[in-house]
N, C-alpha and C. Protein backbone atom coordinates (compact mmCIF):
# COMPACT_ATOMS: atom_id res chain seq x y z
N UNK A 1 36.36 48.02 8.24
CA UNK A 1 36.26 47.54 6.87
C UNK A 1 35.37 48.50 6.08
N UNK A 2 35.97 49.21 5.11
CA UNK A 2 35.19 50.16 4.32
C UNK A 2 34.56 49.45 3.11
N UNK A 3 33.81 50.21 2.30
CA UNK A 3 33.07 49.61 1.20
C UNK A 3 34.00 48.97 0.17
N UNK A 4 35.13 49.60 -0.09
CA UNK A 4 36.09 49.05 -1.03
C UNK A 4 36.63 47.70 -0.56
N UNK A 5 36.88 47.59 0.73
CA UNK A 5 37.40 46.34 1.29
C UNK A 5 36.34 45.24 1.22
N UNK A 6 35.08 45.61 1.43
CA UNK A 6 33.99 44.63 1.32
C UNK A 6 33.89 44.12 -0.11
N UNK A 7 34.01 45.04 -1.08
CA UNK A 7 33.97 44.64 -2.49
C UNK A 7 35.09 43.66 -2.82
N UNK A 8 36.26 43.85 -2.22
CA UNK A 8 37.39 42.94 -2.45
C UNK A 8 37.09 41.55 -1.91
N UNK A 9 36.41 41.51 -0.75
CA UNK A 9 36.04 40.21 -0.17
C UNK A 9 35.07 39.49 -1.10
N UNK A 10 34.09 40.23 -1.63
CA UNK A 10 33.13 39.64 -2.55
C UNK A 10 33.81 39.16 -3.83
N UNK A 11 34.75 39.96 -4.33
CA UNK A 11 35.45 39.59 -5.55
C UNK A 11 36.31 38.36 -5.33
N UNK A 12 36.97 38.28 -4.18
CA UNK A 12 37.84 37.13 -3.89
C UNK A 12 37.04 35.84 -3.86
N UNK A 13 35.82 35.91 -3.34
CA UNK A 13 34.95 34.72 -3.27
C UNK A 13 34.22 34.47 -4.58
N UNK A 14 34.49 35.32 -5.59
CA UNK A 14 33.78 35.25 -6.87
C UNK A 14 32.27 35.37 -6.67
N UNK A 15 31.91 36.25 -5.76
CA UNK A 15 30.50 36.47 -5.45
C UNK A 15 29.88 37.53 -6.35
N UNK A 16 30.70 38.18 -7.18
CA UNK A 16 30.18 39.15 -8.13
C UNK A 16 30.44 38.62 -9.54
N UNK A 17 29.36 38.36 -10.27
CA UNK A 17 29.44 37.83 -11.63
C UNK A 17 29.13 38.95 -12.60
N UNK A 18 29.95 39.13 -13.61
CA UNK A 18 29.71 40.15 -14.63
C UNK A 18 29.78 39.52 -16.02
N UNK A 19 29.28 40.25 -17.01
CA UNK A 19 29.35 39.79 -18.39
C UNK A 19 28.53 38.56 -18.66
N UNK A 20 27.38 38.44 -17.97
CA UNK A 20 26.54 37.26 -18.13
C UNK A 20 25.12 37.69 -18.48
N UNK A 21 24.22 36.73 -18.61
CA UNK A 21 22.80 37.00 -18.85
C UNK A 21 22.03 36.34 -17.73
N UNK A 22 21.66 37.13 -16.74
CA UNK A 22 21.11 36.62 -15.49
C UNK A 22 19.65 37.01 -15.35
N UNK A 23 18.87 36.09 -14.77
CA UNK A 23 17.48 36.40 -14.41
C UNK A 23 17.42 36.56 -12.90
N UNK A 24 16.98 37.74 -12.45
CA UNK A 24 16.94 38.03 -11.03
C UNK A 24 15.67 37.47 -10.38
N UNK A 25 15.61 37.54 -9.07
CA UNK A 25 14.43 37.09 -8.33
C UNK A 25 13.18 37.83 -8.76
N UNK A 26 13.34 39.08 -9.16
CA UNK A 26 12.22 39.90 -9.63
C UNK A 26 11.76 39.51 -11.03
N UNK A 27 12.49 38.55 -11.67
CA UNK A 27 12.27 38.10 -13.05
C UNK A 27 12.78 39.12 -14.08
N UNK A 28 13.41 40.18 -13.61
CA UNK A 28 14.09 41.08 -14.53
C UNK A 28 15.41 40.45 -14.96
N UNK A 29 15.97 40.94 -16.06
CA UNK A 29 17.21 40.40 -16.59
C UNK A 29 18.34 41.42 -16.44
N UNK A 30 19.57 40.93 -16.41
CA UNK A 30 20.71 41.83 -16.31
C UNK A 30 22.00 41.14 -16.69
N UNK A 31 23.09 41.89 -16.64
CA UNK A 31 24.40 41.36 -17.05
C UNK A 31 25.27 40.94 -15.87
N UNK A 32 24.86 41.29 -14.66
CA UNK A 32 25.70 41.01 -13.49
C UNK A 32 24.85 40.45 -12.36
N UNK A 33 25.52 39.82 -11.40
CA UNK A 33 24.80 39.16 -10.32
C UNK A 33 25.69 39.13 -9.08
N UNK A 34 25.07 39.36 -7.93
CA UNK A 34 25.77 39.21 -6.66
C UNK A 34 25.39 37.84 -6.11
N UNK A 35 26.32 36.91 -6.20
CA UNK A 35 26.05 35.52 -5.82
C UNK A 35 26.48 35.28 -4.38
N UNK A 36 25.55 35.58 -3.46
CA UNK A 36 25.89 35.43 -2.03
C UNK A 36 26.18 33.98 -1.67
N UNK A 37 25.65 33.01 -2.44
CA UNK A 37 25.90 31.61 -2.14
C UNK A 37 27.37 31.26 -2.28
N UNK A 38 28.09 32.00 -3.11
CA UNK A 38 29.52 31.77 -3.26
C UNK A 38 30.30 32.30 -2.06
N UNK A 39 29.68 33.18 -1.31
CA UNK A 39 30.34 33.80 -0.17
C UNK A 39 30.18 32.97 1.11
N UNK A 40 29.01 32.35 1.28
CA UNK A 40 28.69 31.67 2.53
C UNK A 40 29.67 30.57 2.95
N UNK A 41 30.27 29.81 2.04
CA UNK A 41 31.20 28.78 2.49
C UNK A 41 32.46 29.32 3.16
N UNK A 42 32.76 30.60 2.95
CA UNK A 42 33.99 31.19 3.49
C UNK A 42 33.70 31.76 4.88
N UNK A 43 33.85 30.91 5.88
CA UNK A 43 33.41 31.25 7.23
C UNK A 43 34.18 32.42 7.85
N UNK A 44 35.46 32.53 7.53
CA UNK A 44 36.23 33.64 8.10
C UNK A 44 35.75 34.97 7.51
N UNK A 45 35.50 34.99 6.20
CA UNK A 45 34.98 36.20 5.58
C UNK A 45 33.61 36.55 6.17
N UNK A 46 32.75 35.55 6.36
CA UNK A 46 31.43 35.80 6.93
C UNK A 46 31.54 36.32 8.35
N UNK A 47 32.50 35.80 9.09
CA UNK A 47 32.75 36.27 10.46
C UNK A 47 32.99 37.78 10.48
N UNK A 48 33.88 38.25 9.61
CA UNK A 48 34.25 39.66 9.61
C UNK A 48 33.15 40.54 9.01
N UNK A 49 32.47 40.06 7.97
CA UNK A 49 31.39 40.85 7.39
C UNK A 49 30.25 41.04 8.39
N UNK A 50 29.92 39.97 9.10
CA UNK A 50 28.84 40.06 10.09
C UNK A 50 29.26 40.92 11.29
N UNK A 51 30.55 40.93 11.58
CA UNK A 51 31.05 41.82 12.62
C UNK A 51 30.81 43.27 12.22
N UNK A 52 31.00 43.58 10.94
CA UNK A 52 30.78 44.94 10.46
C UNK A 52 29.31 45.34 10.57
N UNK A 53 28.41 44.42 10.26
CA UNK A 53 26.98 44.73 10.41
C UNK A 53 26.66 44.97 11.88
N UNK A 54 27.17 44.10 12.75
CA UNK A 54 26.93 44.26 14.19
C UNK A 54 27.47 45.59 14.70
N UNK A 55 28.64 45.97 14.21
CA UNK A 55 29.26 47.23 14.63
C UNK A 55 28.36 48.42 14.32
N UNK A 56 27.63 48.36 13.22
CA UNK A 56 26.76 49.47 12.81
C UNK A 56 25.56 49.64 13.74
N UNK A 57 25.26 48.59 14.51
CA UNK A 57 24.06 48.65 15.37
C UNK A 57 24.37 48.49 16.86
N UNK A 58 25.63 48.38 17.22
CA UNK A 58 25.97 48.15 18.62
C UNK A 58 25.64 49.34 19.51
N UNK A 59 25.64 50.56 18.93
CA UNK A 59 25.36 51.75 19.72
C UNK A 59 23.94 52.29 19.50
N UNK A 60 23.06 51.45 18.95
CA UNK A 60 21.68 51.87 18.72
C UNK A 60 21.03 52.27 20.04
N UNK A 61 20.22 53.32 19.98
CA UNK A 61 19.53 53.78 21.18
C UNK A 61 18.71 52.65 21.79
N UNK A 62 18.05 51.87 20.93
CA UNK A 62 17.32 50.68 21.39
C UNK A 62 18.22 49.48 21.17
N UNK A 63 18.73 48.91 22.25
CA UNK A 63 19.66 47.80 22.16
C UNK A 63 19.03 46.60 21.47
N UNK A 64 19.77 46.02 20.54
CA UNK A 64 19.27 44.84 19.83
C UNK A 64 19.19 43.67 20.79
N UNK A 65 18.04 43.01 20.81
CA UNK A 65 17.85 41.84 21.66
C UNK A 65 17.71 40.55 20.85
N UNK A 66 17.25 40.69 19.61
CA UNK A 66 17.09 39.53 18.72
C UNK A 66 17.48 39.94 17.31
N UNK A 67 18.14 39.03 16.60
CA UNK A 67 18.45 39.23 15.19
C UNK A 67 17.67 38.19 14.40
N UNK A 68 17.00 38.64 13.33
CA UNK A 68 16.21 37.72 12.51
C UNK A 68 16.54 37.93 11.04
N UNK A 69 16.45 36.84 10.27
CA UNK A 69 16.73 36.90 8.83
C UNK A 69 15.82 35.93 8.11
N UNK A 70 15.62 36.13 6.81
CA UNK A 70 14.86 35.16 6.03
C UNK A 70 15.71 33.93 5.72
N UNK A 71 15.07 32.76 5.66
CA UNK A 71 15.78 31.56 5.23
C UNK A 71 16.06 31.64 3.73
N UNK A 72 17.10 31.03 3.17
CA UNK A 72 17.88 30.03 3.86
C UNK A 72 19.20 30.65 4.31
N UNK A 73 19.87 31.30 3.37
CA UNK A 73 21.20 31.83 3.65
C UNK A 73 21.24 32.83 4.78
N UNK A 74 20.13 33.55 4.98
CA UNK A 74 20.10 34.56 6.02
C UNK A 74 20.28 34.00 7.42
N UNK A 75 20.03 32.70 7.58
CA UNK A 75 20.22 32.07 8.90
C UNK A 75 21.67 32.24 9.35
N UNK A 76 22.60 32.09 8.40
CA UNK A 76 24.01 32.26 8.74
C UNK A 76 24.27 33.68 9.22
N UNK A 77 23.68 34.65 8.54
CA UNK A 77 23.85 36.04 8.94
C UNK A 77 23.30 36.30 10.34
N UNK A 78 22.09 35.81 10.60
CA UNK A 78 21.47 36.09 11.90
C UNK A 78 22.30 35.52 13.04
N UNK A 79 22.86 34.33 12.83
CA UNK A 79 23.67 33.70 13.87
C UNK A 79 24.95 34.48 14.14
N UNK A 80 25.68 34.82 13.07
CA UNK A 80 26.95 35.52 13.25
C UNK A 80 26.75 36.93 13.80
N UNK A 81 25.75 37.65 13.29
CA UNK A 81 25.53 39.02 13.78
C UNK A 81 25.10 38.98 15.25
N UNK A 82 24.24 38.04 15.61
CA UNK A 82 23.83 37.91 17.02
C UNK A 82 25.03 37.56 17.90
N UNK A 83 25.90 36.71 17.39
CA UNK A 83 27.11 36.34 18.13
C UNK A 83 27.96 37.57 18.43
N UNK A 84 28.21 38.38 17.40
CA UNK A 84 29.05 39.56 17.59
C UNK A 84 28.40 40.58 18.52
N UNK A 85 27.09 40.78 18.39
CA UNK A 85 26.41 41.72 19.28
C UNK A 85 26.46 41.25 20.72
N UNK A 86 26.40 39.95 20.93
CA UNK A 86 26.53 39.40 22.28
C UNK A 86 27.91 39.68 22.83
N UNK A 87 28.93 39.46 22.02
CA UNK A 87 30.31 39.70 22.45
C UNK A 87 30.58 41.18 22.73
N UNK A 88 29.86 42.05 22.02
CA UNK A 88 30.06 43.49 22.18
C UNK A 88 29.33 44.07 23.38
N UNK A 89 28.38 43.33 23.95
CA UNK A 89 27.57 43.86 25.04
C UNK A 89 28.38 43.91 26.33
N UNK A 90 28.45 45.07 26.92
CA UNK A 90 29.26 45.26 28.13
C UNK A 90 28.71 44.51 29.32
N UNK A 91 27.42 44.17 29.28
CA UNK A 91 26.80 43.47 30.40
C UNK A 91 26.59 41.99 30.13
N UNK A 92 27.26 41.50 29.07
CA UNK A 92 27.20 40.08 28.71
C UNK A 92 25.78 39.57 28.49
N UNK A 93 24.92 40.45 27.96
CA UNK A 93 23.55 40.02 27.66
C UNK A 93 23.55 39.28 26.32
N UNK A 94 22.85 38.16 26.30
CA UNK A 94 22.81 37.36 25.09
C UNK A 94 21.83 37.95 24.07
N UNK A 95 22.29 38.09 22.84
CA UNK A 95 21.44 38.49 21.73
C UNK A 95 21.08 37.22 20.96
N UNK A 96 19.80 36.99 20.76
CA UNK A 96 19.33 35.76 20.14
C UNK A 96 19.35 35.87 18.61
N UNK A 97 19.59 34.76 17.94
CA UNK A 97 19.56 34.71 16.48
C UNK A 97 18.51 33.74 16.00
N UNK A 98 17.51 34.22 15.29
CA UNK A 98 16.42 33.38 14.81
C UNK A 98 16.18 33.63 13.32
N UNK A 99 15.16 32.98 12.77
CA UNK A 99 14.89 33.16 11.35
C UNK A 99 13.40 33.07 11.06
N UNK A 100 13.02 33.67 9.94
CA UNK A 100 11.66 33.55 9.41
C UNK A 100 11.73 32.64 8.19
N UNK A 101 10.68 31.89 7.97
CA UNK A 101 10.67 30.95 6.85
C UNK A 101 9.48 31.20 5.94
N UNK A 102 9.60 30.72 4.73
CA UNK A 102 8.55 30.95 3.75
C UNK A 102 7.28 30.20 4.14
N UNK A 103 6.17 30.90 4.03
CA UNK A 103 4.88 30.30 4.36
C UNK A 103 4.46 29.33 3.26
N UNK A 104 3.96 28.18 3.67
CA UNK A 104 3.45 27.19 2.73
C UNK A 104 2.07 26.74 3.17
N UNK A 105 1.15 26.61 2.23
CA UNK A 105 -0.21 26.18 2.55
C UNK A 105 -0.48 24.84 1.88
N UNK A 106 -1.31 24.04 2.56
CA UNK A 106 -1.63 22.70 2.07
C UNK A 106 -2.78 22.76 1.07
N UNK A 107 -2.64 22.02 -0.02
CA UNK A 107 -3.72 21.87 -0.99
C UNK A 107 -3.84 20.39 -1.33
N UNK A 108 -5.00 19.94 -1.80
CA UNK A 108 -5.14 18.53 -2.18
C UNK A 108 -4.16 18.16 -3.28
N UNK A 109 -3.53 17.00 -3.14
CA UNK A 109 -2.59 16.52 -4.14
C UNK A 109 -3.39 15.98 -5.33
N UNK A 110 -3.25 16.59 -6.51
CA UNK A 110 -4.05 16.15 -7.66
C UNK A 110 -3.71 14.74 -8.14
N UNK A 111 -2.56 14.22 -7.73
CA UNK A 111 -2.13 12.90 -8.19
C UNK A 111 -2.38 11.81 -7.17
N UNK A 112 -2.62 12.20 -5.93
CA UNK A 112 -2.83 11.22 -4.87
C UNK A 112 -3.99 11.65 -3.97
N UNK A 113 -5.15 11.03 -4.19
CA UNK A 113 -6.33 11.39 -3.39
C UNK A 113 -6.08 11.09 -1.92
N UNK A 114 -6.54 12.00 -1.09
CA UNK A 114 -6.38 11.83 0.34
C UNK A 114 -5.08 12.37 0.88
N UNK A 115 -4.19 12.78 0.00
CA UNK A 115 -2.91 13.36 0.42
C UNK A 115 -2.89 14.83 0.08
N UNK A 116 -1.94 15.53 0.67
CA UNK A 116 -1.82 16.97 0.44
C UNK A 116 -0.41 17.31 -0.04
N UNK A 117 -0.32 18.38 -0.78
CA UNK A 117 0.98 18.93 -1.13
C UNK A 117 1.00 20.39 -0.67
N UNK A 118 2.16 20.98 -0.66
CA UNK A 118 2.30 22.32 -0.11
C UNK A 118 2.86 23.27 -1.18
N UNK A 119 2.29 24.46 -1.21
CA UNK A 119 2.79 25.49 -2.12
C UNK A 119 3.12 26.73 -1.29
N UNK A 120 4.16 27.44 -1.72
CA UNK A 120 4.57 28.65 -1.01
C UNK A 120 3.70 29.83 -1.42
N UNK A 121 3.36 30.67 -0.44
CA UNK A 121 2.51 31.83 -0.70
C UNK A 121 3.31 33.06 -1.08
N UNK A 122 4.61 33.05 -0.81
CA UNK A 122 5.42 34.23 -1.05
C UNK A 122 5.61 35.07 0.19
N UNK A 123 4.88 34.75 1.26
CA UNK A 123 5.02 35.47 2.53
C UNK A 123 6.00 34.75 3.44
N UNK A 124 6.37 35.43 4.52
CA UNK A 124 7.22 34.82 5.53
C UNK A 124 6.46 34.71 6.84
N UNK A 125 6.73 33.64 7.58
CA UNK A 125 6.12 33.43 8.89
C UNK A 125 7.21 33.12 9.90
N UNK A 126 6.90 33.41 11.15
CA UNK A 126 7.85 33.15 12.24
C UNK A 126 7.25 32.07 13.11
N UNK A 127 7.87 30.89 13.08
CA UNK A 127 7.33 29.72 13.77
C UNK A 127 8.36 29.19 14.77
N UNK A 128 8.17 27.93 15.17
CA UNK A 128 9.10 27.19 16.03
C UNK A 128 9.28 27.84 17.40
N UNK A 129 8.31 28.66 17.81
CA UNK A 129 8.40 29.33 19.10
C UNK A 129 9.19 30.62 19.05
N UNK A 130 9.76 30.96 17.89
CA UNK A 130 10.55 32.18 17.77
C UNK A 130 9.67 33.42 17.91
N UNK A 131 8.37 33.29 17.58
CA UNK A 131 7.47 34.43 17.73
C UNK A 131 7.40 34.89 19.18
N UNK A 132 7.48 33.94 20.11
CA UNK A 132 7.44 34.29 21.54
C UNK A 132 8.75 34.93 21.99
N UNK A 133 9.86 34.55 21.34
CA UNK A 133 11.15 35.15 21.68
C UNK A 133 11.23 36.59 21.18
N UNK A 134 10.48 36.90 20.13
CA UNK A 134 10.53 38.21 19.51
C UNK A 134 9.57 39.21 20.15
N UNK A 135 8.43 38.72 20.61
CA UNK A 135 7.38 39.60 21.14
C UNK A 135 7.92 40.55 22.20
N UNK A 136 7.73 41.85 21.99
CA UNK A 136 8.14 42.86 22.95
C UNK A 136 9.63 43.17 22.94
N UNK A 137 10.39 42.60 22.00
CA UNK A 137 11.84 42.78 21.97
C UNK A 137 12.27 43.72 20.84
N UNK A 138 13.47 44.28 21.00
CA UNK A 138 14.08 45.09 19.94
C UNK A 138 14.76 44.15 18.95
N UNK A 139 14.35 44.22 17.69
CA UNK A 139 14.77 43.23 16.70
C UNK A 139 15.52 43.90 15.54
N UNK A 140 16.65 43.31 15.19
CA UNK A 140 17.40 43.72 14.01
C UNK A 140 17.17 42.70 12.91
N UNK A 141 16.73 43.15 11.75
CA UNK A 141 16.55 42.28 10.59
C UNK A 141 17.82 42.35 9.75
N UNK A 142 18.31 41.20 9.30
CA UNK A 142 19.49 41.17 8.45
C UNK A 142 19.17 40.39 7.17
N UNK A 143 19.84 40.77 6.10
CA UNK A 143 19.61 40.15 4.79
C UNK A 143 20.92 40.19 4.01
N UNK A 144 21.09 39.29 3.07
CA UNK A 144 22.33 39.28 2.30
C UNK A 144 22.32 40.32 1.19
N UNK A 145 21.38 40.18 0.23
CA UNK A 145 21.35 41.09 -0.91
C UNK A 145 19.95 41.69 -1.06
N UNK A 146 19.88 43.00 -1.20
CA UNK A 146 18.62 43.67 -1.50
C UNK A 146 18.55 43.94 -2.99
N UNK A 147 17.56 43.36 -3.65
CA UNK A 147 17.33 43.64 -5.07
C UNK A 147 16.06 44.47 -5.20
N UNK A 148 14.94 43.87 -4.84
CA UNK A 148 13.68 44.62 -4.76
C UNK A 148 13.34 44.96 -3.32
N UNK A 149 13.99 44.28 -2.37
CA UNK A 149 13.69 44.48 -0.96
C UNK A 149 12.48 43.70 -0.49
N UNK A 150 11.92 42.87 -1.37
CA UNK A 150 10.68 42.17 -1.05
C UNK A 150 10.79 41.23 0.14
N UNK A 151 11.81 40.40 0.18
CA UNK A 151 11.96 39.45 1.29
C UNK A 151 12.18 40.16 2.61
N UNK A 152 13.07 41.16 2.61
CA UNK A 152 13.34 41.91 3.84
C UNK A 152 12.08 42.59 4.34
N UNK A 153 11.30 43.18 3.44
CA UNK A 153 10.07 43.86 3.83
C UNK A 153 9.09 42.88 4.48
N UNK A 154 8.97 41.70 3.91
CA UNK A 154 8.03 40.72 4.46
C UNK A 154 8.48 40.22 5.82
N UNK A 155 9.79 40.09 6.03
CA UNK A 155 10.29 39.68 7.35
C UNK A 155 10.05 40.78 8.38
N UNK A 156 10.24 42.02 7.97
CA UNK A 156 9.97 43.15 8.86
C UNK A 156 8.49 43.16 9.25
N UNK A 157 7.62 42.96 8.28
CA UNK A 157 6.18 42.96 8.56
C UNK A 157 5.79 41.78 9.45
N UNK A 158 6.40 40.61 9.21
CA UNK A 158 6.11 39.44 10.04
C UNK A 158 6.59 39.64 11.47
N UNK A 159 7.73 40.31 11.61
CA UNK A 159 8.27 40.59 12.95
C UNK A 159 7.35 41.52 13.71
N UNK A 160 6.90 42.56 13.05
CA UNK A 160 5.98 43.48 13.70
C UNK A 160 4.65 42.82 14.04
N UNK A 161 4.23 41.88 13.20
CA UNK A 161 2.94 41.22 13.42
C UNK A 161 2.93 40.38 14.69
N UNK A 162 4.09 39.91 15.13
CA UNK A 162 4.15 39.12 16.36
C UNK A 162 4.62 39.94 17.55
N UNK A 163 4.67 41.26 17.38
CA UNK A 163 4.97 42.14 18.50
C UNK A 163 6.40 42.55 18.67
N UNK A 164 7.24 42.29 17.67
CA UNK A 164 8.63 42.73 17.75
C UNK A 164 8.79 44.17 17.30
N UNK A 165 9.75 44.88 17.90
CA UNK A 165 10.04 46.26 17.52
C UNK A 165 11.27 46.26 16.62
N UNK A 166 11.08 46.50 15.33
CA UNK A 166 12.19 46.47 14.38
C UNK A 166 12.98 47.77 14.50
N UNK A 167 14.24 47.65 14.88
CA UNK A 167 15.06 48.86 15.09
C UNK A 167 15.97 49.15 13.90
N UNK A 168 16.03 48.21 12.94
CA UNK A 168 16.85 48.47 11.77
C UNK A 168 16.97 47.27 10.86
N UNK A 169 17.57 47.52 9.70
CA UNK A 169 17.84 46.48 8.70
C UNK A 169 19.30 46.60 8.28
N UNK A 170 20.05 45.53 8.44
CA UNK A 170 21.45 45.49 8.04
C UNK A 170 21.66 44.48 6.93
N UNK A 171 22.34 44.88 5.85
CA UNK A 171 22.51 43.98 4.71
C UNK A 171 23.96 43.99 4.23
N UNK A 172 24.34 42.91 3.59
CA UNK A 172 25.67 42.84 3.00
C UNK A 172 25.77 43.76 1.79
N UNK A 173 24.76 43.66 0.91
CA UNK A 173 24.83 44.39 -0.36
C UNK A 173 23.46 44.92 -0.75
N UNK A 174 23.41 46.19 -1.06
CA UNK A 174 22.18 46.81 -1.59
C UNK A 174 22.43 47.05 -3.08
N UNK A 175 21.87 46.18 -3.91
CA UNK A 175 22.12 46.30 -5.34
C UNK A 175 20.93 46.89 -6.09
N UNK A 176 19.85 47.21 -5.36
CA UNK A 176 18.67 47.74 -6.02
C UNK A 176 18.38 49.19 -5.68
N UNK A 177 19.31 49.86 -4.99
CA UNK A 177 19.06 51.24 -4.58
C UNK A 177 17.88 51.34 -3.64
N UNK A 178 17.70 50.31 -2.82
CA UNK A 178 16.54 50.24 -1.91
C UNK A 178 16.68 51.27 -0.80
N UNK A 179 15.56 51.94 -0.47
CA UNK A 179 15.52 52.94 0.59
C UNK A 179 14.71 52.40 1.77
N UNK A 180 14.80 53.03 2.93
CA UNK A 180 13.98 52.58 4.07
C UNK A 180 12.49 52.54 3.76
N UNK A 181 12.03 53.45 2.93
CA UNK A 181 10.61 53.49 2.58
C UNK A 181 10.21 52.25 1.77
N UNK A 182 11.14 51.67 1.04
CA UNK A 182 10.85 50.48 0.24
C UNK A 182 10.67 49.24 1.10
N UNK A 183 11.19 49.27 2.30
CA UNK A 183 11.16 48.09 3.18
C UNK A 183 10.39 48.42 4.45
N UNK A 184 9.13 48.82 4.25
CA UNK A 184 8.18 49.04 5.36
C UNK A 184 8.63 50.14 6.30
N UNK A 185 9.28 51.17 5.74
CA UNK A 185 9.67 52.35 6.53
C UNK A 185 10.51 52.00 7.76
N UNK A 186 11.47 51.12 7.56
CA UNK A 186 12.37 50.79 8.67
C UNK A 186 13.15 52.05 9.05
N UNK A 187 13.44 52.20 10.34
CA UNK A 187 14.05 53.44 10.82
C UNK A 187 15.52 53.59 10.43
N UNK A 188 16.22 52.47 10.22
CA UNK A 188 17.65 52.54 9.89
C UNK A 188 18.00 51.42 8.93
N UNK A 189 18.59 51.78 7.80
CA UNK A 189 19.02 50.80 6.79
C UNK A 189 20.50 50.99 6.54
N UNK A 190 21.27 49.94 6.79
CA UNK A 190 22.71 49.98 6.60
C UNK A 190 23.12 48.87 5.63
N UNK A 191 23.89 49.22 4.60
CA UNK A 191 24.44 48.24 3.67
C UNK A 191 25.96 48.35 3.68
N UNK A 192 26.66 47.23 3.74
CA UNK A 192 28.12 47.27 3.73
C UNK A 192 28.65 47.71 2.38
N UNK A 193 27.91 47.38 1.32
CA UNK A 193 28.33 47.80 -0.01
C UNK A 193 27.08 48.08 -0.85
N UNK A 194 27.18 49.10 -1.68
CA UNK A 194 26.08 49.46 -2.58
C UNK A 194 26.57 49.27 -4.01
N UNK A 195 25.86 48.42 -4.75
CA UNK A 195 26.22 48.12 -6.13
C UNK A 195 25.01 48.36 -7.01
N UNK A 196 25.14 49.23 -7.99
CA UNK A 196 24.03 49.51 -8.89
C UNK A 196 24.19 48.67 -10.15
N UNK A 197 23.24 47.74 -10.35
CA UNK A 197 23.27 46.87 -11.52
C UNK A 197 22.06 47.16 -12.40
N UNK A 198 22.30 47.19 -13.71
CA UNK A 198 21.20 47.41 -14.64
C UNK A 198 20.24 46.23 -14.62
N UNK A 199 18.96 46.52 -14.79
CA UNK A 199 17.95 45.47 -14.85
C UNK A 199 16.94 45.82 -15.93
N UNK A 200 16.53 44.81 -16.69
CA UNK A 200 15.61 45.03 -17.81
C UNK A 200 14.40 44.10 -17.69
N UNK A 201 13.25 44.60 -18.08
CA UNK A 201 12.09 43.72 -18.24
C UNK A 201 12.38 42.78 -19.40
N UNK A 202 11.79 41.58 -19.34
CA UNK A 202 12.05 40.60 -20.39
C UNK A 202 11.78 41.16 -21.79
N UNK A 203 10.69 41.90 -21.94
CA UNK A 203 10.32 42.42 -23.26
C UNK A 203 11.33 43.42 -23.80
N UNK A 204 12.06 44.09 -22.88
CA UNK A 204 13.02 45.11 -23.30
C UNK A 204 14.47 44.66 -23.18
N UNK A 205 14.68 43.40 -22.82
CA UNK A 205 16.03 42.92 -22.52
C UNK A 205 16.88 42.85 -23.79
N UNK A 206 17.96 43.63 -23.86
CA UNK A 206 18.83 43.59 -25.05
C UNK A 206 19.58 42.27 -25.18
N UNK A 207 19.77 41.58 -24.05
CA UNK A 207 20.46 40.29 -24.08
C UNK A 207 19.60 39.23 -24.75
N UNK A 208 18.29 39.27 -24.45
CA UNK A 208 17.36 38.35 -25.10
C UNK A 208 17.31 38.61 -26.60
N UNK A 209 17.31 39.88 -26.97
CA UNK A 209 17.23 40.25 -28.38
C UNK A 209 18.47 39.80 -29.16
N UNK A 210 19.58 39.67 -28.42
CA UNK A 210 20.82 39.21 -29.06
C UNK A 210 20.99 37.69 -28.93
N UNK A 211 19.96 37.03 -28.35
CA UNK A 211 19.98 35.57 -28.16
C UNK A 211 21.17 35.09 -27.35
N UNK A 212 21.56 35.90 -26.37
CA UNK A 212 22.65 35.49 -25.47
C UNK A 212 22.09 34.49 -24.47
N UNK A 213 22.70 33.32 -24.34
CA UNK A 213 22.17 32.28 -23.44
C UNK A 213 22.01 32.77 -22.00
N UNK A 214 20.98 32.28 -21.35
CA UNK A 214 20.71 32.64 -19.96
C UNK A 214 21.55 31.78 -19.03
N UNK A 215 22.13 32.42 -18.03
CA UNK A 215 22.93 31.73 -17.02
C UNK A 215 21.98 30.93 -16.11
N UNK A 216 22.10 29.62 -16.12
CA UNK A 216 21.23 28.77 -15.30
C UNK A 216 21.88 28.37 -13.97
N UNK A 217 23.09 28.84 -13.73
CA UNK A 217 23.79 28.47 -12.50
C UNK A 217 23.41 29.35 -11.32
N UNK A 218 22.94 30.57 -11.60
CA UNK A 218 22.60 31.50 -10.52
C UNK A 218 21.24 32.14 -10.81
N UNK A 219 20.68 32.75 -9.78
CA UNK A 219 19.42 33.45 -9.96
C UNK A 219 18.29 32.53 -10.36
N UNK A 220 17.35 33.07 -11.14
CA UNK A 220 16.15 32.34 -11.54
C UNK A 220 16.24 31.84 -12.99
N UNK A 221 17.45 31.69 -13.50
CA UNK A 221 17.62 31.30 -14.89
C UNK A 221 16.94 29.98 -15.25
N UNK A 222 17.18 28.95 -14.45
CA UNK A 222 16.59 27.65 -14.74
C UNK A 222 15.08 27.69 -14.68
N UNK A 223 14.54 28.37 -13.66
CA UNK A 223 13.09 28.46 -13.52
C UNK A 223 12.48 29.27 -14.66
N UNK A 224 13.19 30.30 -15.08
CA UNK A 224 12.69 31.12 -16.19
C UNK A 224 12.56 30.29 -17.47
N UNK A 225 13.59 29.51 -17.76
CA UNK A 225 13.56 28.68 -18.97
C UNK A 225 12.48 27.60 -18.88
N UNK A 226 12.31 27.06 -17.67
CA UNK A 226 11.26 26.04 -17.48
C UNK A 226 9.88 26.64 -17.72
N UNK A 227 9.68 27.85 -17.27
CA UNK A 227 8.39 28.52 -17.49
C UNK A 227 8.15 28.78 -18.97
N UNK A 228 9.20 29.14 -19.67
CA UNK A 228 9.07 29.43 -21.10
C UNK A 228 8.65 28.19 -21.89
N UNK A 229 9.02 27.02 -21.39
CA UNK A 229 8.74 25.77 -22.10
C UNK A 229 7.36 25.22 -21.80
N UNK A 230 6.68 25.81 -20.80
CA UNK A 230 5.36 25.31 -20.42
C UNK A 230 4.29 25.74 -21.43
């Protein structure tokens, strides 16, 4: 499956939105969006896309022993890629599929004395015993879309922190022109498709200046508008 074929799969699932006013995870604005959530329900497409990621790493000098991804959607990727790598192994060695989750810290609940609420720190942690499965193992990090590379970088750093050896990063789409240096100097970065989308700071956004409504169905549109009203 070449890059053109991958783009067709994304287009068929309506995972590429154009001609809109989108707020990205970075809070930058743009006219297009790669909506991976539209892709995930199509299990056959995910099967083949994850096979392509696995194929890129099956001959790695350091054999992949564990695949990890950030929650939420990345869990699907880690499972399918691990499945394909297991099937590809000539010695029938199982490749494990795990995930990292967003770190949350407890703070006193201002509305209920004696109770706590949780806020996310923006970092990723590896819990549920997965840290022990990763320690000393060759680990492949997978991600759906790279925009700033922030989530992938944090998962790579969390994996290294628990003793895992990150042998590469495989992604469905690199839309931010992200390089290995941007994601903690990972040794190998593979993207099935590279899409360059324009992004603007809010102050310079031509869409805002034209009062074009913000798309609240994808990205951070709803959160952006909520912040503006505070």
